[in-house]
N, C-alpha and C. Protein backbone atom coordinates (compact mmCIF):
# COMPACT_ATOMS: atom_id res chain seq x y z
N MET A 1 17.26 -2.75 29.81
CA MET A 1 16.95 -1.85 30.76
C MET A 1 15.79 -1.55 30.30
N ILE A 2 15.66 -1.13 28.76
CA ILE A 2 14.70 -0.45 28.32
C ILE A 2 13.48 -1.21 28.44
N TYR A 3 13.50 -2.84 28.45
CA TYR A 3 12.33 -3.54 28.38
C TYR A 3 11.53 -3.53 29.65
N ALA A 4 12.15 -3.46 31.06
CA ALA A 4 11.71 -2.91 32.01
C ALA A 4 11.17 -1.97 32.09
N LEU A 5 11.39 -0.90 31.54
CA LEU A 5 10.70 0.66 31.45
C LEU A 5 9.83 0.30 30.82
N ALA A 6 9.57 -0.33 29.26
CA ALA A 6 8.37 -0.90 28.59
C ALA A 6 7.31 -0.56 29.39
N ILE A 7 7.39 -2.38 30.44
CA ILE A 7 6.43 -2.82 31.14
C ILE A 7 6.05 -1.65 32.08
N LEU A 8 7.17 -0.79 32.75
CA LEU A 8 6.46 0.00 33.60
C LEU A 8 5.26 1.45 33.19
N LEU A 9 6.64 1.70 32.02
CA LEU A 9 6.24 3.26 31.95
C LEU A 9 6.55 3.05 29.71
N PRO A 10 5.33 2.13 29.65
CA PRO A 10 5.38 2.25 27.88
C PRO A 10 6.08 3.29 27.24
N SER A 11 5.02 4.57 27.18
CA SER A 11 5.20 5.78 26.52
C SER A 11 6.75 5.94 26.62
N VAL A 12 6.79 6.25 28.25
CA VAL A 12 8.42 6.95 27.94
C VAL A 12 9.03 5.87 27.69
N ALA A 13 9.40 4.84 27.59
CA ALA A 13 10.24 3.56 26.93
C ALA A 13 10.07 3.83 25.51
N LEU A 14 9.26 3.85 24.80
CA LEU A 14 9.26 4.11 23.37
C LEU A 14 9.86 5.79 22.97
N TRP A 15 9.19 7.02 23.98
CA TRP A 15 9.90 8.30 23.61
C TRP A 15 11.57 8.09 24.14
N ILE A 16 12.06 7.67 25.01
CA ILE A 16 13.80 7.38 24.76
C ILE A 16 14.14 6.29 23.40
N ASP A 17 13.63 5.62 23.39
CA ASP A 17 13.46 5.12 22.14
C ASP A 17 13.58 5.44 21.13
N GLY A 18 13.11 6.57 20.63
CA GLY A 18 13.01 7.14 19.23
C GLY A 18 11.83 7.41 18.73
N GLN A 19 10.74 6.58 18.73
CA GLN A 19 9.44 6.60 18.65
C GLN A 19 8.75 7.69 19.06
N ARG A 20 8.80 8.76 18.48
CA ARG A 20 7.82 9.72 19.13
C ARG A 20 6.27 9.53 18.48
N ILE A 21 5.97 8.97 17.30
CA ILE A 21 4.47 8.79 16.84
C ILE A 21 3.87 7.37 17.52
N SER A 22 4.95 6.35 17.83
CA SER A 22 4.54 5.46 18.79
C SER A 22 4.10 5.71 19.97
N ALA A 23 4.71 6.28 20.89
CA ALA A 23 4.56 7.57 22.00
C ALA A 23 3.39 8.03 22.23
N CYS A 24 3.03 8.49 21.10
CA CYS A 24 1.78 9.07 21.51
C CYS A 24 0.79 8.29 21.53
N LEU A 25 0.55 7.19 19.69
CA LEU A 25 0.06 6.18 19.69
C LEU A 25 -0.32 5.73 21.23
N ASN A 26 0.59 4.85 22.16
CA ASN A 26 0.69 4.21 22.92
C ASN A 26 0.11 5.03 24.15
N LEU A 27 0.10 5.98 24.26
CA LEU A 27 -0.59 7.14 25.29
C LEU A 27 -2.15 7.10 25.11
N ILE A 28 -2.78 7.02 23.45
CA ILE A 28 -4.36 6.99 23.41
C ILE A 28 -4.56 5.59 23.57
N VAL A 29 -3.44 4.34 23.22
CA VAL A 29 -4.08 2.94 23.77
C VAL A 29 -4.34 2.21 25.11
N CYS A 30 -3.21 3.49 26.14
CA CYS A 30 -3.32 3.26 27.69
C CYS A 30 -4.57 3.81 28.23
N GLY A 31 -4.86 5.23 27.44
CA GLY A 31 -6.13 5.47 28.00
C GLY A 31 -7.60 4.72 27.86
N VAL A 32 -7.48 4.45 26.57
CA VAL A 32 -8.38 3.55 25.79
C VAL A 32 -8.95 2.36 26.60
N SER A 33 -7.25 1.58 27.34
CA SER A 33 -7.80 0.24 28.00
C SER A 33 -7.74 1.09 29.29
N ALA A 34 -7.35 1.47 29.90
CA ALA A 34 -7.70 2.29 31.12
C ALA A 34 -9.54 2.80 31.40
N TYR A 35 -9.60 3.12 30.22
CA TYR A 35 -11.24 3.09 30.54
C TYR A 35 -12.38 1.86 30.34
N TYR A 36 -11.68 0.87 29.40
CA TYR A 36 -12.25 0.07 29.59
C TYR A 36 -12.02 -1.31 30.92
N ALA A 37 -10.51 -0.84 31.52
CA ALA A 37 -10.71 -1.51 32.24
C ALA A 37 -11.44 -1.15 33.78
N LEU A 38 -11.64 -0.27 33.68
CA LEU A 38 -12.59 0.51 34.78
C LEU A 38 -13.94 0.20 34.53
N THR A 39 -14.49 0.65 33.05
CA THR A 39 -15.65 0.41 33.24
C THR A 39 -16.54 -1.02 32.92
N LEU A 40 -15.49 -1.76 32.59
CA LEU A 40 -16.13 -3.28 32.55
C LEU A 40 -15.49 -3.97 33.47
N THR A 41 -14.63 -3.53 34.25
CA THR A 41 -14.15 -4.20 35.21
C THR A 41 -13.38 -5.76 35.23
N MET A 42 -12.45 -5.38 33.94
CA MET A 42 -11.95 -6.37 33.47
C MET A 42 -10.64 -5.59 33.34
N PHE A 43 -9.44 -6.38 33.68
CA PHE A 43 -7.81 -6.23 33.85
C PHE A 43 -7.15 -6.40 32.71
N ALA A 44 -7.56 -6.82 31.99
CA ALA A 44 -6.76 -7.35 30.46
C ALA A 44 -6.59 -6.51 29.61
N PRO A 45 -7.37 -5.79 29.28
CA PRO A 45 -7.06 -4.20 28.28
C PRO A 45 -5.46 -3.50 28.84
N LEU A 46 -5.50 -4.01 30.31
CA LEU A 46 -4.53 -3.13 30.63
C LEU A 46 -2.75 -3.66 30.38
N LEU A 47 -2.95 -4.52 29.77
CA LEU A 47 -1.48 -5.32 28.98
C LEU A 47 -1.47 -4.46 27.78
N ALA A 48 -2.74 -3.87 27.13
CA ALA A 48 -2.15 -3.38 25.79
C ALA A 48 -1.15 -2.62 25.27
N GLY A 49 -1.08 -1.74 26.63
CA GLY A 49 -0.38 -0.40 26.19
C GLY A 49 1.24 -1.13 26.50
N PRO A 50 1.60 -1.87 27.50
CA PRO A 50 3.05 -2.57 27.47
C PRO A 50 3.58 -3.81 26.84
N VAL A 51 2.42 -4.04 26.53
CA VAL A 51 2.66 -5.19 25.17
C VAL A 51 2.87 -4.69 23.88
N HIS A 52 2.54 -3.42 23.57
CA HIS A 52 2.67 -2.41 22.36
C HIS A 52 4.13 -2.09 22.25
N ALA A 53 4.08 -1.69 23.31
CA ALA A 53 5.96 -1.05 23.96
C ALA A 53 6.53 -2.07 23.87
N LEU A 54 6.18 -2.90 24.12
CA LEU A 54 7.79 -4.41 24.11
C LEU A 54 7.30 -4.69 22.26
N VAL A 55 6.72 -5.16 21.79
CA VAL A 55 6.73 -5.54 20.43
C VAL A 55 7.38 -4.28 19.54
N LEU A 56 7.34 -3.25 19.83
CA LEU A 56 7.79 -2.03 18.69
C LEU A 56 9.20 -2.01 18.97
N ILE A 57 9.63 -1.68 20.29
CA ILE A 57 11.04 -1.59 20.79
C ILE A 57 11.88 -3.31 20.09
N HIS A 58 11.23 -4.27 20.28
CA HIS A 58 11.59 -5.81 20.08
C HIS A 58 11.83 -5.42 18.32
N LEU A 59 11.31 -5.22 17.81
CA LEU A 59 11.12 -4.85 16.31
C LEU A 59 12.08 -4.21 15.85
N THR A 60 12.50 -2.97 16.68
CA THR A 60 13.26 -1.60 16.40
C THR A 60 14.61 -1.89 16.63
N SER A 61 15.09 -2.79 17.78
CA SER A 61 15.96 -3.32 17.82
C SER A 61 16.95 -4.11 16.96
N ALA A 62 16.07 -5.25 17.02
CA ALA A 62 16.11 -6.52 15.58
C ALA A 62 16.64 -5.88 14.30
N THR A 63 16.01 -4.92 13.72
CA THR A 63 16.02 -3.76 12.58
C THR A 63 17.22 -3.26 12.77
N ARG A 64 17.82 -2.64 13.98
CA ARG A 64 18.87 -1.81 14.09
C ARG A 64 20.18 -3.29 14.01
N SER A 65 20.09 -4.39 14.32
CA SER A 65 20.85 -5.24 14.71
C SER A 65 21.11 -5.53 13.30
N GLY A 66 20.35 -6.06 12.28
CA GLY A 66 20.32 -6.40 11.01
C GLY A 66 20.86 -5.61 10.24
N ARG A 67 20.59 -4.30 10.25
CA ARG A 67 21.76 -3.53 9.88
C ARG A 67 23.29 -3.30 10.01
N ARG A 68 23.19 -3.43 11.17
CA ARG A 68 24.80 -3.31 11.63
C ARG A 68 24.69 -4.39 11.00
N GLN A 69 24.62 -5.89 11.35
CA GLN A 69 24.88 -7.10 10.22
C GLN A 69 25.79 -7.12 8.97
N ALA A 70 24.68 -6.37 8.03
CA ALA A 70 24.32 -5.79 6.94
C ALA A 70 25.76 -4.84 6.21
N SER A 71 25.94 -3.77 7.29
CA SER A 71 26.90 -3.14 7.07
C SER A 71 27.86 -3.52 7.08
N ALA A 72 28.31 -4.26 8.07
CA ALA A 72 29.53 -5.20 8.63
C ALA A 72 30.01 -6.18 7.01
N VAL A 73 28.68 -6.34 6.38
CA VAL A 73 29.06 -8.06 5.50
C VAL A 73 29.73 -6.68 4.35
N ALA A 74 28.73 -5.65 4.39
CA ALA A 74 29.43 -4.69 3.00
C ALA A 74 30.99 -4.54 3.13
N ALA A 75 31.35 -3.87 4.65
CA ALA A 75 32.63 -3.70 4.32
C ALA A 75 33.67 -4.18 4.42
N THR A 76 33.48 -5.72 4.41
CA THR A 76 34.00 -6.60 4.42
C THR A 76 34.77 -6.46 2.64
N PRO A 77 36.07 -6.39 2.64
CA PRO A 77 36.79 -6.98 1.14
C PRO A 77 35.75 -7.84 0.07
N ALA A 78 35.82 -7.63 -1.34
CA ALA A 78 34.94 -8.57 -1.73
C ALA A 78 36.56 -9.53 -2.40
N VAL A 79 36.64 -10.72 -2.33
CA VAL A 79 37.64 -11.41 -3.11
C VAL A 79 37.10 -11.30 -4.56
N ARG A 80 38.39 -11.31 -5.03
CA ARG A 80 38.38 -11.17 -6.32
C ARG A 80 38.79 -12.62 -7.09
N ARG A 81 38.43 -13.41 -8.12
CA ARG A 81 37.82 -14.67 -8.27
C ARG A 81 38.72 -14.30 -9.86
N LYS A 82 39.35 -15.38 -9.97
CA LYS A 82 39.67 -15.31 -11.70
C LYS A 82 39.00 -16.31 -12.81
N GLY A 83 38.66 -15.36 -13.61
CA GLY A 83 37.61 -16.01 -14.59
C GLY A 83 38.63 -16.42 -15.73
N ARG A 84 37.79 -16.67 -16.66
CA ARG A 84 38.54 -17.17 -17.88
C ARG A 84 39.32 -16.22 -18.44
N LYS A 85 39.12 -15.22 -18.42
CA LYS A 85 40.22 -13.78 -19.01
C LYS A 85 41.45 -14.00 -17.74
N GLY A 86 41.42 -13.87 -17.26
CA GLY A 86 42.72 -14.16 -15.98
C GLY A 86 43.28 -15.64 -15.80
N ALA A 87 42.69 -16.75 -15.84
CA ALA A 87 43.12 -17.65 -15.40
C ALA A 87 44.65 -18.23 -16.43
N GLY A 88 44.97 -17.68 -17.85
CA GLY A 88 45.76 -17.88 -18.34
C GLY A 88 46.83 -17.90 -18.25
């Protein structure tokens, strides 16, 4: 759902995802790309805002899932191995 919102309204999607500074930066990127799209009659710059939002949302979700996996591994109890002192 957040990815669809990132394509349609990239700044709002970043704001909902908790990336306030990136949302403000995305507004600037969208404004500059809209200016170039209207003055140069090239519509490819209009993709800069949604692509920027999609990449950032994907990277933060990957970071969050990596943190979840790391905390799950840390929560498992360590198996004690017998060393030289406890072998006898």
